[in-house]
Each structure stands twice: as C-alpha cells, then as structure tokens.
N, C-alpha and C. Protein backbone atom coordinates (compact mmCIF):
# COMPACT_ATOMS: atom_id res chain seq x y z
N MET A 1 16.33 7.44 34.71
CA MET A 1 15.56 6.27 34.34
C MET A 1 15.46 6.21 32.82
N LEU A 2 15.81 5.08 32.23
CA LEU A 2 15.77 4.89 30.78
C LEU A 2 14.39 4.43 30.34
N PRO A 3 13.98 4.82 29.13
CA PRO A 3 12.71 4.28 28.60
C PRO A 3 12.81 2.76 28.47
N ALA A 4 11.69 2.08 28.45
CA ALA A 4 11.65 0.62 28.45
C ALA A 4 12.44 -0.02 27.31
N PRO A 5 12.30 0.40 26.04
CA PRO A 5 13.06 -0.28 24.99
C PRO A 5 14.57 -0.12 25.15
N LEU A 6 15.05 1.02 25.61
CA LEU A 6 16.49 1.22 25.79
C LEU A 6 17.02 0.49 27.02
N ALA A 7 16.18 0.26 28.00
CA ALA A 7 16.60 -0.43 29.21
C ALA A 7 16.98 -1.88 28.91
N PHE A 8 16.33 -2.49 27.92
CA PHE A 8 16.62 -3.88 27.58
C PHE A 8 17.61 -3.99 26.42
N GLY A 9 18.11 -2.87 25.92
CA GLY A 9 19.07 -2.90 24.83
C GLY A 9 18.43 -3.06 23.46
N ILE A 10 17.12 -2.89 23.37
CA ILE A 10 16.41 -3.03 22.10
C ILE A 10 15.96 -1.64 21.66
N GLY A 11 16.45 -1.20 20.54
CA GLY A 11 16.07 0.11 20.02
C GLY A 11 15.75 0.02 18.55
N MET A 12 15.81 1.12 17.87
CA MET A 12 15.56 1.14 16.44
C MET A 12 16.75 0.48 15.72
N PRO A 13 16.46 -0.29 14.67
CA PRO A 13 17.57 -0.92 13.94
C PRO A 13 18.38 0.12 13.18
N GLY A 14 19.68 -0.07 13.19
CA GLY A 14 20.57 0.84 12.48
C GLY A 14 20.91 0.31 11.10
N LEU A 15 21.88 0.93 10.47
CA LEU A 15 22.28 0.54 9.12
C LEU A 15 22.82 -0.89 9.05
N PRO A 16 23.66 -1.33 9.98
CA PRO A 16 24.15 -2.71 9.89
C PRO A 16 23.03 -3.76 10.02
N GLU A 17 22.09 -3.52 10.91
CA GLU A 17 20.99 -4.46 11.07
C GLU A 17 20.11 -4.51 9.83
N MET A 18 19.85 -3.34 9.23
CA MET A 18 19.03 -3.31 8.02
C MET A 18 19.74 -3.98 6.85
N ALA A 19 21.05 -3.84 6.77
CA ALA A 19 21.81 -4.50 5.70
C ALA A 19 21.76 -6.01 5.86
N ILE A 20 21.92 -6.50 7.08
CA ILE A 20 21.82 -7.94 7.34
C ILE A 20 20.44 -8.45 6.99
N PHE A 21 19.41 -7.71 7.35
CA PHE A 21 18.03 -8.09 7.03
C PHE A 21 17.82 -8.15 5.52
N ALA A 22 18.36 -7.17 4.78
CA ALA A 22 18.22 -7.13 3.32
C ALA A 22 18.91 -8.33 2.69
N VAL A 23 20.08 -8.71 3.19
CA VAL A 23 20.79 -9.87 2.64
C VAL A 23 19.99 -11.14 2.90
N ILE A 24 19.43 -11.29 4.08
CA ILE A 24 18.63 -12.47 4.41
C ILE A 24 17.40 -12.55 3.50
N VAL A 25 16.73 -11.43 3.28
CA VAL A 25 15.55 -11.40 2.41
C VAL A 25 15.94 -11.77 0.99
N LEU A 26 17.06 -11.25 0.49
CA LEU A 26 17.50 -11.58 -0.87
C LEU A 26 17.87 -13.05 -1.01
N VAL A 27 18.46 -13.62 0.02
CA VAL A 27 18.82 -15.04 -0.04
C VAL A 27 17.57 -15.91 -0.03
N LEU A 28 16.62 -15.58 0.81
CA LEU A 28 15.41 -16.40 0.93
C LEU A 28 14.45 -16.21 -0.24
N PHE A 29 14.27 -14.98 -0.70
CA PHE A 29 13.25 -14.69 -1.70
C PHE A 29 13.83 -14.17 -3.01
N GLY A 30 15.10 -14.37 -3.25
CA GLY A 30 15.77 -13.82 -4.43
C GLY A 30 15.15 -14.23 -5.75
N LYS A 31 14.79 -15.49 -5.90
CA LYS A 31 14.25 -15.97 -7.17
C LYS A 31 12.81 -15.51 -7.39
N ARG A 32 12.06 -15.32 -6.33
CA ARG A 32 10.66 -14.92 -6.46
C ARG A 32 10.47 -13.41 -6.42
N LEU A 33 11.48 -12.67 -6.03
CA LEU A 33 11.37 -11.22 -5.88
C LEU A 33 11.05 -10.49 -7.18
N PRO A 34 11.70 -10.78 -8.32
CA PRO A 34 11.35 -10.07 -9.55
C PRO A 34 9.90 -10.28 -9.98
N GLY A 35 9.39 -11.49 -9.83
CA GLY A 35 7.99 -11.76 -10.18
C GLY A 35 7.04 -11.02 -9.28
N ALA A 36 7.36 -10.95 -8.00
CA ALA A 36 6.50 -10.24 -7.05
C ALA A 36 6.50 -8.74 -7.34
N MET A 37 7.65 -8.18 -7.67
CA MET A 37 7.73 -6.75 -7.99
C MET A 37 6.99 -6.45 -9.29
N ARG A 38 7.09 -7.34 -10.28
CA ARG A 38 6.37 -7.16 -11.54
C ARG A 38 4.86 -7.18 -11.29
N SER A 39 4.41 -8.10 -10.47
CA SER A 39 2.99 -8.19 -10.13
C SER A 39 2.53 -6.94 -9.39
N LEU A 40 3.35 -6.45 -8.48
CA LEU A 40 3.02 -5.24 -7.74
C LEU A 40 2.93 -4.04 -8.69
N GLY A 41 3.84 -3.94 -9.65
CA GLY A 41 3.81 -2.86 -10.62
C GLY A 41 2.57 -2.90 -11.49
N GLN A 42 2.16 -4.10 -11.90
CA GLN A 42 0.95 -4.23 -12.71
C GLN A 42 -0.28 -3.84 -11.90
N SER A 43 -0.30 -4.19 -10.62
CA SER A 43 -1.43 -3.82 -9.76
C SER A 43 -1.53 -2.31 -9.60
N VAL A 44 -0.40 -1.66 -9.41
CA VAL A 44 -0.40 -0.20 -9.27
C VAL A 44 -0.85 0.46 -10.57
N GLY A 45 -0.41 -0.08 -11.70
CA GLY A 45 -0.83 0.45 -13.00
C GLY A 45 -2.32 0.30 -13.21
N ALA A 46 -2.88 -0.85 -12.85
CA ALA A 46 -4.31 -1.07 -12.98
C ALA A 46 -5.09 -0.14 -12.06
N LEU A 47 -4.58 0.10 -10.87
CA LEU A 47 -5.23 1.02 -9.93
C LEU A 47 -5.26 2.43 -10.49
N LYS A 48 -4.13 2.90 -11.03
CA LYS A 48 -4.07 4.24 -11.61
C LYS A 48 -5.00 4.36 -12.80
N GLN A 49 -5.08 3.33 -13.63
CA GLN A 49 -5.96 3.35 -14.79
C GLN A 49 -7.42 3.39 -14.34
N GLY A 50 -7.78 2.63 -13.33
CA GLY A 50 -9.13 2.63 -12.80
C GLY A 50 -9.51 3.99 -12.21
N LEU A 51 -8.58 4.62 -11.51
CA LEU A 51 -8.84 5.94 -10.94
C LEU A 51 -9.01 6.98 -12.04
N ALA A 52 -8.21 6.88 -13.10
CA ALA A 52 -8.32 7.82 -14.21
C ALA A 52 -9.66 7.65 -14.93
N GLU A 53 -10.10 6.42 -15.10
CA GLU A 53 -11.38 6.17 -15.75
C GLU A 53 -12.54 6.68 -14.90
N SER A 54 -12.44 6.53 -13.58
CA SER A 54 -13.52 6.99 -12.71
C SER A 54 -13.60 8.51 -12.67
N GLU A 55 -12.46 9.20 -12.86
CA GLU A 55 -12.47 10.66 -12.88
C GLU A 55 -13.05 11.20 -14.18
N ASN A 56 -13.00 10.41 -15.25
CA ASN A 56 -13.48 10.86 -16.55
C ASN A 56 -15.00 10.75 -16.70
N THR A 57 -15.67 10.07 -15.80
CA THR A 57 -17.12 9.96 -15.90
C THR A 57 -17.76 11.28 -15.54
N GLU A 58 -18.91 11.59 -16.18
CA GLU A 58 -19.56 12.88 -15.95
C GLU A 58 -20.27 12.92 -14.60
N ASP A 59 -21.19 12.01 -14.37
CA ASP A 59 -21.95 11.98 -13.12
C ASP A 59 -21.81 10.62 -12.47
N PRO A 60 -21.17 10.53 -11.34
CA PRO A 60 -21.08 9.25 -10.64
C PRO A 60 -22.47 8.81 -10.19
N PRO A 61 -22.74 7.51 -10.16
CA PRO A 61 -24.06 7.02 -9.75
C PRO A 61 -24.45 7.45 -8.34
N ALA A 62 -23.49 7.62 -7.44
CA ALA A 62 -23.81 8.02 -6.07
C ALA A 62 -24.43 9.42 -6.04
N LEU A 63 -23.98 10.33 -6.90
CA LEU A 63 -24.55 11.67 -6.92
C LEU A 63 -25.94 11.68 -7.53
N GLU A 64 -26.21 10.79 -8.49
CA GLU A 64 -27.52 10.74 -9.11
C GLU A 64 -28.57 10.27 -8.09
N SER A 65 -28.24 9.32 -7.24
CA SER A 65 -29.21 8.82 -6.28
C SER A 65 -29.52 9.86 -5.20
N ASN A 66 -28.60 10.77 -4.91
CA ASN A 66 -28.84 11.79 -3.90
C ASN A 66 -29.72 12.92 -4.41
N THR A 67 -29.82 13.11 -5.73
CA THR A 67 -30.59 14.22 -6.27
C THR A 67 -32.07 13.90 -6.33
N LYS A 68 -32.44 12.63 -6.28
CA LYS A 68 -33.84 12.25 -6.33
C LYS A 68 -34.49 12.47 -4.96
N THR A 69 -35.64 13.12 -4.96
CA THR A 69 -36.35 13.36 -3.70
C THR A 69 -37.61 12.53 -3.71
N PRO A 70 -37.93 11.88 -2.62
CA PRO A 70 -39.16 11.06 -2.57
C PRO A 70 -40.38 11.98 -2.55
N THR A 71 -41.45 11.54 -3.17
CA THR A 71 -42.69 12.32 -3.19
C THR A 71 -43.53 11.97 -1.97
N ALA A 72 -44.20 12.98 -1.43
CA ALA A 72 -45.04 12.77 -0.24
C ALA A 72 -46.34 12.12 -0.68
N ALA A 73 -46.79 11.13 0.08
CA ALA A 73 -48.03 10.40 -0.27
C ALA A 73 -49.21 10.95 0.47
C-alpha cells in the first residue's frame, strides 16, 4: 500500500519543477524583485541594529519592575 501523496502521483518537487517555478517567478516579478530584496535587506539590518542596541542597555525596564516589592498595609 502506497502513502496517500505517492498514490496520486504527487510528491516532493524535484529539480526540474523547482527550475520551472524559479523561471515563472522571475518572469512575473523580475522588475520588482531587486526592490523587494533591497527592502528586505534594510529590514534585516534595522532588526540587527535594534537587537544590538537593546543588548547594550544596562537594566531593561522589565527587570526593574520585578525588583520592586509591594509594601504590606
């Protein structure tokens, strides 16, 4: 008995299918692809810069709020 995807002839895409898919994507989105990749690169750079800035802080505000203990009335 074959597993369900192989029984219908549908399996993982191979190299020829991925190449055809890449050509279709390049034809449809070729002119917009460089701008999208540039935007993605800028977003990743901003994320890394934000993470580096957050690591450089001495005491995060979340830790300061946990150190305060309420006084009993």
